[in-house]
């Protein structure tokens, strides 16, 4: 992890706001609204927002938290996809 990386708490707060702006997580429409909100609020590109939402939906926090720790240990910041 680099010194200038924001703490995970800041990112969590940002994404809690994004999820709240997207509305209720009750249907596939939620996932479409979430992707739009990621693009407009968090400045993700359309393909990156799609991929980010898919990762969260398909893998969840347990797997992604472990992948995050492994990426930090390997010093991989952007990965091969470069998002």
PDB file of N, CA and C in Angstrom:
ATOM      1  N   UNK A   1       0.848  -1.171   0.000  1.00  0.00           N
ATOM      2  CA  UNK A   1       0.000   0.000   0.000  1.00  0.00           C
ATOM      3  C   UNK A   1       0.893   1.234   0.000  1.00  0.00           C
ATOM      4  N   UNK A   2       0.553   2.178  -0.820  1.00  0.00           N
ATOM      5  CA  UNK A   2       1.337   3.401  -0.908  1.00  0.00           C
ATOM      6  C   UNK A   2       0.891   4.389   0.167  1.00  0.00           C
ATOM      7  N   UNK A   3       1.811   5.261   0.547  1.00  0.00           N
ATOM      8  CA  UNK A   3       1.514   6.227   1.618  1.00  0.00           C
ATOM      9  C   UNK A   3       0.359   7.152   1.268  1.00  0.00           C
ATOM     10  N   UNK A   4       0.200   7.481  -0.026  1.00  0.00           N
ATOM     11  CA  UNK A   4      -0.845   8.437  -0.405  1.00  0.00           C
ATOM     12  C   UNK A   4      -2.180   7.765  -0.733  1.00  0.00           C
ATOM     13  N   UNK A   5      -2.277   6.427  -0.583  1.00  0.00           N
ATOM     14  CA  UNK A   5      -3.549   5.741  -0.779  1.00  0.00           C
ATOM     15  C   UNK A   5      -4.516   6.136   0.329  1.00  0.00           C
ATOM     16  N   UNK A   6      -5.791   6.389  -0.032  1.00  0.00           N
ATOM     17  CA  UNK A   6      -6.752   6.727   1.020  1.00  0.00           C
ATOM     18  C   UNK A   6      -7.012   5.510   1.901  1.00  0.00           C
ATOM     19  N   UNK A   7      -7.248   5.740   3.176  1.00  0.00           N
ATOM     20  CA  UNK A   7      -7.585   4.613   4.057  1.00  0.00           C
ATOM     21  C   UNK A   7      -8.864   3.927   3.572  1.00  0.00           C
ATOM     22  N   UNK A   8      -8.978   2.652   3.827  1.00  0.00           N
ATOM     23  CA  UNK A   8     -10.150   1.895   3.394  1.00  0.00           C
ATOM     24  C   UNK A   8     -11.437   2.494   3.962  1.00  0.00           C
ATOM     25  N   UNK A   9     -11.353   3.096   5.150  1.00  0.00           N
ATOM     26  CA  UNK A   9     -12.550   3.702   5.750  1.00  0.00           C
ATOM     27  C   UNK A   9     -13.101   4.815   4.869  1.00  0.00           C
ATOM     28  N   UNK A  10     -12.205   5.600   4.235  1.00  0.00           N
ATOM     29  CA  UNK A  10     -12.654   6.676   3.343  1.00  0.00           C
ATOM     30  C   UNK A  10     -13.351   6.100   2.116  1.00  0.00           C
ATOM     31  N   UNK A  11     -12.781   5.030   1.562  1.00  0.00           N
ATOM     32  CA  UNK A  11     -13.409   4.398   0.408  1.00  0.00           C
ATOM     33  C   UNK A  11     -14.754   3.786   0.778  1.00  0.00           C
ATOM     34  N   UNK A  12     -14.820   3.164   1.929  1.00  0.00           N
ATOM     35  CA  UNK A  12     -16.073   2.574   2.384  1.00  0.00           C
ATOM     36  C   UNK A  12     -17.151   3.635   2.524  1.00  0.00           C
ATOM     37  N   UNK A  13     -16.798   4.753   3.108  1.00  0.00           N
ATOM     38  CA  UNK A  13     -17.747   5.849   3.254  1.00  0.00           C
ATOM     39  C   UNK A  13     -18.226   6.347   1.885  1.00  0.00           C
ATOM     40  N   UNK A  14     -17.296   6.492   0.953  1.00  0.00           N
ATOM     41  CA  UNK A  14     -17.654   6.932  -0.401  1.00  0.00           C
ATOM     42  C   UNK A  14     -18.633   5.955  -1.052  1.00  0.00           C
ATOM     43  N   UNK A  15     -18.342   4.663  -0.958  1.00  0.00           N
ATOM     44  CA  UNK A  15     -19.189   3.680  -1.618  1.00  0.00           C
ATOM     45  C   UNK A  15     -20.511   3.457  -0.897  1.00  0.00           C
ATOM     46  N   UNK A  16     -20.557   3.668   0.394  1.00  0.00           N
ATOM     47  CA  UNK A  16     -21.847   3.631   1.092  1.00  0.00           C
ATOM     48  C   UNK A  16     -22.751   4.737   0.557  1.00  0.00           C
ATOM     49  N   UNK A  17     -22.173   5.888   0.275  1.00  0.00           N
ATOM     50  CA  UNK A  17     -22.932   6.995  -0.312  1.00  0.00           C
ATOM     51  C   UNK A  17     -23.389   6.648  -1.721  1.00  0.00           C
ATOM     52  N   UNK A  18     -22.492   6.049  -2.514  1.00  0.00           N
ATOM     53  CA  UNK A  18     -22.843   5.653  -3.882  1.00  0.00           C
ATOM     54  C   UNK A  18     -23.997   4.658  -3.866  1.00  0.00           C
ATOM     55  N   UNK A  19     -23.937   3.671  -2.990  1.00  0.00           N
ATOM     56  CA  UNK A  19     -24.999   2.665  -2.894  1.00  0.00           C
ATOM     57  C   UNK A  19     -26.309   3.325  -2.474  1.00  0.00           C
ATOM     58  N   UNK A  20     -26.260   4.228  -1.519  1.00  0.00           N
ATOM     59  CA  UNK A  20     -27.470   4.925  -1.081  1.00  0.00           C
ATOM     60  C   UNK A  20     -28.075   5.735  -2.230  1.00  0.00           C
ATOM     61  N   UNK A  21     -27.219   6.368  -3.041  1.00  0.00           N
ATOM     62  CA  UNK A  21     -27.707   7.151  -4.177  1.00  0.00           C
ATOM     63  C   UNK A  21     -28.340   6.269  -5.248  1.00  0.00           C
ATOM     64  N   UNK A  22     -27.869   5.027  -5.354  1.00  0.00           N
ATOM     65  CA  UNK A  22     -28.406   4.112  -6.367  1.00  0.00           C
ATOM     66  C   UNK A  22     -29.771   3.561  -5.970  1.00  0.00           C
ATOM     67  N   UNK A  23     -30.123   3.677  -4.704  1.00  0.00           N
ATOM     68  CA  UNK A  23     -31.439   3.232  -4.253  1.00  0.00           C
ATOM     69  C   UNK A  23     -31.402   1.834  -3.669  1.00  0.00           C
ATOM     70  N   UNK A  24     -32.582   1.233  -3.569  1.00  0.00           N
ATOM     71  CA  UNK A  24     -32.712  -0.084  -2.933  1.00  0.00           C
ATOM     72  C   UNK A  24     -32.109  -1.176  -3.797  1.00  0.00           C
ATOM     73  N   UNK A  25     -31.433  -2.116  -3.133  1.00  0.00           N
ATOM     74  CA  UNK A  25     -30.809  -3.251  -3.821  1.00  0.00           C
ATOM     75  C   UNK A  25     -31.811  -4.385  -3.956  1.00  0.00           C
ATOM     76  N   UNK A  26     -32.909  -4.125  -4.663  1.00  0.00           N
ATOM     77  CA  UNK A  26     -33.996  -5.096  -4.715  1.00  0.00           C
ATOM     78  C   UNK A  26     -34.165  -5.786  -6.058  1.00  0.00           C
ATOM     79  N   UNK A  27     -33.369  -5.403  -7.040  1.00  0.00           N
ATOM     80  CA  UNK A  27     -33.594  -5.971  -8.369  1.00  0.00           C
ATOM     81  C   UNK A  27     -32.399  -5.712  -9.274  1.00  0.00           C
ATOM     82  N   UNK A  28     -32.493  -6.227 -10.491  1.00  0.00           N
ATOM     83  CA  UNK A  28     -31.447  -5.967 -11.475  1.00  0.00           C
ATOM     84  C   UNK A  28     -31.373  -4.478 -11.822  1.00  0.00           C
ATOM     85  N   UNK A  29     -32.481  -3.763 -11.691  1.00  0.00           N
ATOM     86  CA  UNK A  29     -32.450  -2.324 -11.956  1.00  0.00           C
ATOM     87  C   UNK A  29     -31.495  -1.622 -11.000  1.00  0.00           C
ATOM     88  N   UNK A  30     -31.399  -2.134  -9.771  1.00  0.00           N
ATOM     89  CA  UNK A  30     -30.457  -1.557  -8.817  1.00  0.00           C
ATOM     90  C   UNK A  30     -29.037  -1.593  -9.371  1.00  0.00           C
ATOM     91  N   UNK A  31     -28.647  -2.721  -9.946  1.00  0.00           N
ATOM     92  CA  UNK A  31     -27.275  -2.866 -10.443  1.00  0.00           C
ATOM     93  C   UNK A  31     -27.009  -1.915 -11.593  1.00  0.00           C
ATOM     94  N   UNK A  32     -28.019  -1.681 -12.425  1.00  0.00           N
ATOM     95  CA  UNK A  32     -27.859  -0.701 -13.506  1.00  0.00           C
ATOM     96  C   UNK A  32     -27.724   0.709 -12.931  1.00  0.00           C
ATOM     97  N   UNK A  33     -28.566   1.045 -11.939  1.00  0.00           N
ATOM     98  CA  UNK A  33     -28.474   2.366 -11.297  1.00  0.00           C
ATOM     99  C   UNK A  33     -27.134   2.526 -10.597  1.00  0.00           C
ATOM    100  N   UNK A  34     -26.645   1.442  -9.974  1.00  0.00           N
ATOM    101  CA  UNK A  34     -25.353   1.509  -9.294  1.00  0.00           C
ATOM    102  C   UNK A  34     -24.236   1.822 -10.286  1.00  0.00           C
ATOM    103  N   UNK A  35     -24.247   1.162 -11.429  1.00  0.00           N
ATOM    104  CA  UNK A  35     -23.207   1.417 -12.436  1.00  0.00           C
ATOM    105  C   UNK A  35     -23.246   2.870 -12.917  1.00  0.00           C
ATOM    106  N   UNK A  36     -24.449   3.384 -13.158  1.00  0.00           N
ATOM    107  CA  UNK A  36     -24.586   4.789 -13.577  1.00  0.00           C
ATOM    108  C   UNK A  36     -24.054   5.712 -12.489  1.00  0.00           C
ATOM    109  N   UNK A  37     -24.374   5.418 -11.245  1.00  0.00           N
ATOM    110  CA  UNK A  37     -23.909   6.241 -10.129  1.00  0.00           C
ATOM    111  C   UNK A  37     -22.391   6.173  -9.994  1.00  0.00           C
ATOM    112  N   UNK A  38     -21.801   5.006 -10.204  1.00  0.00           N
ATOM    113  CA  UNK A  38     -20.337   4.888 -10.161  1.00  0.00           C
ATOM    114  C   UNK A  38     -19.685   5.759 -11.232  1.00  0.00           C
ATOM    115  N   UNK A  39     -20.308   5.821 -12.402  1.00  0.00           N
ATOM    116  CA  UNK A  39     -19.770   6.646 -13.494  1.00  0.00           C
ATOM    117  C   UNK A  39     -19.921   8.125 -13.176  1.00  0.00           C
ATOM    118  N   UNK A  40     -21.107   8.528 -12.734  1.00  0.00           N
ATOM    119  CA  UNK A  40     -21.374   9.957 -12.545  1.00  0.00           C
ATOM    120  C   UNK A  40     -20.797  10.511 -11.251  1.00  0.00           C
ATOM    121  N   UNK A  41     -20.769   9.706 -10.201  1.00  0.00           N
ATOM    122  CA  UNK A  41     -20.326  10.197  -8.896  1.00  0.00           C
ATOM    123  C   UNK A  41     -18.859   9.912  -8.634  1.00  0.00           C
ATOM    124  N   UNK A  42     -18.422   8.709  -8.977  1.00  0.00           N
ATOM    125  CA  UNK A  42     -17.058   8.295  -8.636  1.00  0.00           C
ATOM    126  C   UNK A  42     -16.106   8.341  -9.821  1.00  0.00           C
ATOM    127  N   UNK A  43     -16.620   8.781 -10.969  1.00  0.00           N
ATOM    128  CA  UNK A  43     -15.810   9.004 -12.167  1.00  0.00           C
ATOM    129  C   UNK A  43     -15.155   7.733 -12.711  1.00  0.00           C
ATOM    130  N   UNK A  44     -15.842   6.602 -12.573  1.00  0.00           N
ATOM    131  CA  UNK A  44     -15.386   5.380 -13.208  1.00  0.00           C
ATOM    132  C   UNK A  44     -15.840   5.414 -14.660  1.00  0.00           C
ATOM    133  N   UNK A  45     -15.096   4.761 -15.565  1.00  0.00           N
ATOM    134  CA  UNK A  45     -15.571   4.607 -16.941  1.00  0.00           C
ATOM    135  C   UNK A  45     -16.703   3.582 -16.931  1.00  0.00           C
ATOM    136  N   UNK A  46     -17.497   3.563 -17.987  1.00  0.00           N
ATOM    137  CA  UNK A  46     -18.587   2.587 -18.065  1.00  0.00           C
ATOM    138  C   UNK A  46     -18.089   1.146 -17.935  1.00  0.00           C
ATOM    139  N   UNK A  47     -17.047   0.741 -18.700  1.00  0.00           N
ATOM    140  CA  UNK A  47     -16.578  -0.642 -18.565  1.00  0.00           C
ATOM    141  C   UNK A  47     -16.028  -0.952 -17.169  1.00  0.00           C
ATOM    142  N   UNK A  48     -15.327  -0.005 -16.575  1.00  0.00           N
ATOM    143  CA  UNK A  48     -14.766  -0.227 -15.236  1.00  0.00           C
ATOM    144  C   UNK A  48     -15.875  -0.317 -14.188  1.00  0.00           C
ATOM    145  N   UNK A  49     -16.908   0.527 -14.293  1.00  0.00           N
ATOM    146  CA  UNK A  49     -18.035   0.471 -13.360  1.00  0.00           C
ATOM    147  C   UNK A  49     -18.746  -0.867 -13.477  1.00  0.00           C
ATOM    148  N   UNK A  50     -18.918  -1.342 -14.698  1.00  0.00           N
ATOM    149  CA  UNK A  50     -19.535  -2.657 -14.924  1.00  0.00           C
ATOM    150  C   UNK A  50     -18.707  -3.750 -14.254  1.00  0.00           C
ATOM    151  N   UNK A  51     -17.412  -3.706 -14.457  1.00  0.00           N
ATOM    152  CA  UNK A  51     -16.531  -4.729 -13.892  1.00  0.00           C
ATOM    153  C   UNK A  51     -16.510  -4.652 -12.364  1.00  0.00           C
ATOM    154  N   UNK A  52     -16.433  -3.462 -11.812  1.00  0.00           N
ATOM    155  CA  UNK A  52     -16.409  -3.284 -10.359  1.00  0.00           C
ATOM    156  C   UNK A  52     -17.684  -3.834  -9.717  1.00  0.00           C
ATOM    157  N   UNK A  53     -18.829  -3.489 -10.287  1.00  0.00           N
ATOM    158  CA  UNK A  53     -20.099  -3.979  -9.752  1.00  0.00           C
ATOM    159  C   UNK A  53     -20.195  -5.497  -9.885  1.00  0.00           C
ATOM    160  N   UNK A  54     -19.726  -6.036 -10.994  1.00  0.00           N
ATOM    161  CA  UNK A  54     -19.750  -7.486 -11.200  1.00  0.00           C
ATOM    162  C   UNK A  54     -18.860  -8.194 -10.191  1.00  0.00           C
ATOM    163  N   UNK A  55     -17.670  -7.657  -9.945  1.00  0.00           N
ATOM    164  CA  UNK A  55     -16.778  -8.246  -8.945  1.00  0.00           C
ATOM    165  C   UNK A  55     -17.448  -8.291  -7.577  1.00  0.00           C
ATOM    166  N   UNK A  56     -18.023  -7.167  -7.168  1.00  0.00           N
ATOM    167  CA  UNK A  56     -18.673  -7.107  -5.857  1.00  0.00           C
ATOM    168  C   UNK A  56     -19.838  -8.085  -5.784  1.00  0.00           C
ATOM    169  N   UNK A  57     -20.645  -8.114  -6.819  1.00  0.00           N
ATOM    170  CA  UNK A  57     -21.840  -8.971  -6.820  1.00  0.00           C
ATOM    171  C   UNK A  57     -21.465 -10.456  -6.855  1.00  0.00           C
ATOM    172  N   UNK A  58     -20.472 -10.812  -7.643  1.00  0.00           N
ATOM    173  CA  UNK A  58     -20.127 -12.223  -7.834  1.00  0.00           C
ATOM    174  C   UNK A  58     -19.233 -12.800  -6.746  1.00  0.00           C
ATOM    175  N   UNK A  59     -18.363 -11.972  -6.163  1.00  0.00           N
ATOM    176  CA  UNK A  59     -17.381 -12.507  -5.219  1.00  0.00           C
ATOM    177  C   UNK A  59     -17.613 -12.096  -3.775  1.00  0.00           C
ATOM    178  N   UNK A  60     -18.163 -10.936  -3.538  1.00  0.00           N
ATOM    179  CA  UNK A  60     -18.434 -10.500  -2.174  1.00  0.00           C
ATOM    180  C   UNK A  60     -17.182 -10.067  -1.427  1.00  0.00           C
ATOM    181  N   UNK A  61     -17.394  -9.580  -0.220  1.00  0.00           N
ATOM    182  CA  UNK A  61     -16.309  -8.957   0.544  1.00  0.00           C
ATOM    183  C   UNK A  61     -15.261  -9.944   1.037  1.00  0.00           C
ATOM    184  N   UNK A  62     -15.639 -11.181   1.341  1.00  0.00           N
ATOM    185  CA  UNK A  62     -14.654 -12.131   1.861  1.00  0.00           C
ATOM    186  C   UNK A  62     -13.555 -12.400   0.836  1.00  0.00           C
ATOM    187  N   UNK A  63     -13.935 -12.779  -0.367  1.00  0.00           N
ATOM    188  CA  UNK A  63     -12.949 -13.079  -1.404  1.00  0.00           C
ATOM    189  C   UNK A  63     -12.200 -11.812  -1.812  1.00  0.00           C
ATOM    190  N   UNK A  64     -12.919 -10.719  -1.985  1.00  0.00           N
ATOM    191  CA  UNK A  64     -12.270  -9.495  -2.454  1.00  0.00           C
ATOM    192  C   UNK A  64     -11.339  -8.903  -1.406  1.00  0.00           C
ATOM    193  N   UNK A  65     -11.675  -9.038  -0.136  1.00  0.00           N
ATOM    194  CA  UNK A  65     -10.778  -8.572   0.929  1.00  0.00           C
ATOM    195  C   UNK A  65      -9.461  -9.349   0.883  1.00  0.00           C
ATOM    196  N   UNK A  66      -9.549 -10.645   0.654  1.00  0.00           N
ATOM    197  CA  UNK A  66      -8.352 -11.467   0.556  1.00  0.00           C
ATOM    198  C   UNK A  66      -7.567 -11.152  -0.719  1.00  0.00           C
ATOM    199  N   UNK A  67      -8.260 -10.925  -1.814  1.00  0.00           N
ATOM    200  CA  UNK A  67      -7.592 -10.534  -3.054  1.00  0.00           C
ATOM    201  C   UNK A  67      -6.903  -9.178  -2.882  1.00  0.00           C
ATOM    202  N   UNK A  68      -7.547  -8.270  -2.170  1.00  0.00           N
ATOM    203  CA  UNK A  68      -6.972  -6.952  -1.878  1.00  0.00           C
ATOM    204  C   UNK A  68      -5.674  -7.091  -1.089  1.00  0.00           C
ATOM    205  N   UNK A  69      -5.698  -7.896  -0.045  1.00  0.00           N
ATOM    206  CA  UNK A  69      -4.500  -8.113   0.775  1.00  0.00           C
ATOM    207  C   UNK A  69      -3.396  -8.766  -0.047  1.00  0.00           C
ATOM    208  N   UNK A  70      -3.749  -9.724  -0.886  1.00  0.00           N
ATOM    209  CA  UNK A  70      -2.754 -10.384  -1.725  1.00  0.00           C
ATOM    210  C   UNK A  70      -2.153  -9.414  -2.736  1.00  0.00           C
ATOM    211  N   UNK A  71      -2.985  -8.572  -3.345  1.00  0.00           N
ATOM    212  CA  UNK A  71      -2.494  -7.582  -4.303  1.00  0.00           C
ATOM    213  C   UNK A  71      -1.531  -6.602  -3.632  1.00  0.00           C
ATOM    214  N   UNK A  72      -1.843  -6.200  -2.406  1.00  0.00           N
ATOM    215  CA  UNK A  72      -0.946  -5.305  -1.674  1.00  0.00           C
ATOM    216  C   UNK A  72       0.380  -6.007  -1.400  1.00  0.00           C
ATOM    217  N   UNK A  73       0.319  -7.258  -0.946  1.00  0.00           N
ATOM    218  CA  UNK A  73       1.542  -8.014  -0.661  1.00  0.00           C
ATOM    219  C   UNK A  73       2.385  -8.201  -1.921  1.00  0.00           C
ATOM    220  N   UNK A  74       1.727  -8.321  -3.071  1.00  0.00           N
ATOM    221  CA  UNK A  74       2.429  -8.486  -4.333  1.00  0.00           C
ATOM    222  C   UNK A  74       2.816  -7.150  -4.967  1.00  0.00           C
ATOM    223  N   UNK A  75       2.407  -6.038  -4.345  1.00  0.00           N
ATOM    224  CA  UNK A  75       2.657  -4.692  -4.861  1.00  0.00           C
ATOM    225  C   UNK A  75       2.042  -4.495  -6.242  1.00  0.00           C
ATOM    226  N   UNK A  76       0.813  -4.984  -6.411  1.00  0.00           N
ATOM    227  CA  UNK A  76       0.066  -4.825  -7.661  1.00  0.00           C
ATOM    228  C   UNK A  76      -0.984  -3.751  -7.426  1.00  0.00           C
ATOM    229  N   UNK A  77      -0.812  -2.607  -8.067  1.00  0.00           N
ATOM    230  CA  UNK A  77      -1.753  -1.511  -7.860  1.00  0.00           C
ATOM    231  C   UNK A  77      -2.888  -1.521  -8.865  1.00  0.00           C
ATOM    232  N   UNK A  78      -2.586  -1.530 -10.157  1.00  0.00           N
ATOM    233  CA  UNK A  78      -3.620  -1.440 -11.182  1.00  0.00           C
ATOM    234  C   UNK A  78      -3.947  -2.763 -11.833  1.00  0.00           C
ATOM    235  N   UNK A  79      -3.110  -3.758 -11.728  1.00  0.00           N
ATOM    236  CA  UNK A  79      -3.379  -5.056 -12.326  1.00  0.00           C
ATOM    237  C   UNK A  79      -3.239  -5.059 -13.829  1.00  0.00           C
ATOM    238  N   UNK A  80      -3.386  -6.222 -14.398  1.00  0.00           N
ATOM    239  CA  UNK A  80      -3.193  -6.395 -15.835  1.00  0.00           C
ATOM    240  C   UNK A  80      -4.266  -5.716 -16.656  1.00  0.00           C
ATOM    241  N   UNK A  81      -5.477  -5.573 -16.119  1.00  0.00           N
ATOM    242  CA  UNK A  81      -6.547  -4.925 -16.857  1.00  0.00           C
ATOM    243  C   UNK A  81      -6.411  -3.403 -16.851  1.00  0.00           C
ATOM    244  N   UNK A  82      -5.640  -2.867 -15.925  1.00  0.00           N
ATOM    245  CA  UNK A  82      -5.345  -1.440 -15.889  1.00  0.00           C
ATOM    246  C   UNK A  82      -6.539  -0.540 -15.660  1.00  0.00           C
ATOM    247  N   UNK A  83      -7.480  -0.961 -14.843  1.00  0.00           N
ATOM    248  CA  UNK A  83      -8.640  -0.116 -14.573  1.00  0.00           C
ATOM    249  C   UNK A  83      -8.266   0.799 -13.458  1.00  0.00           C
TER     250      UNK A  83
END
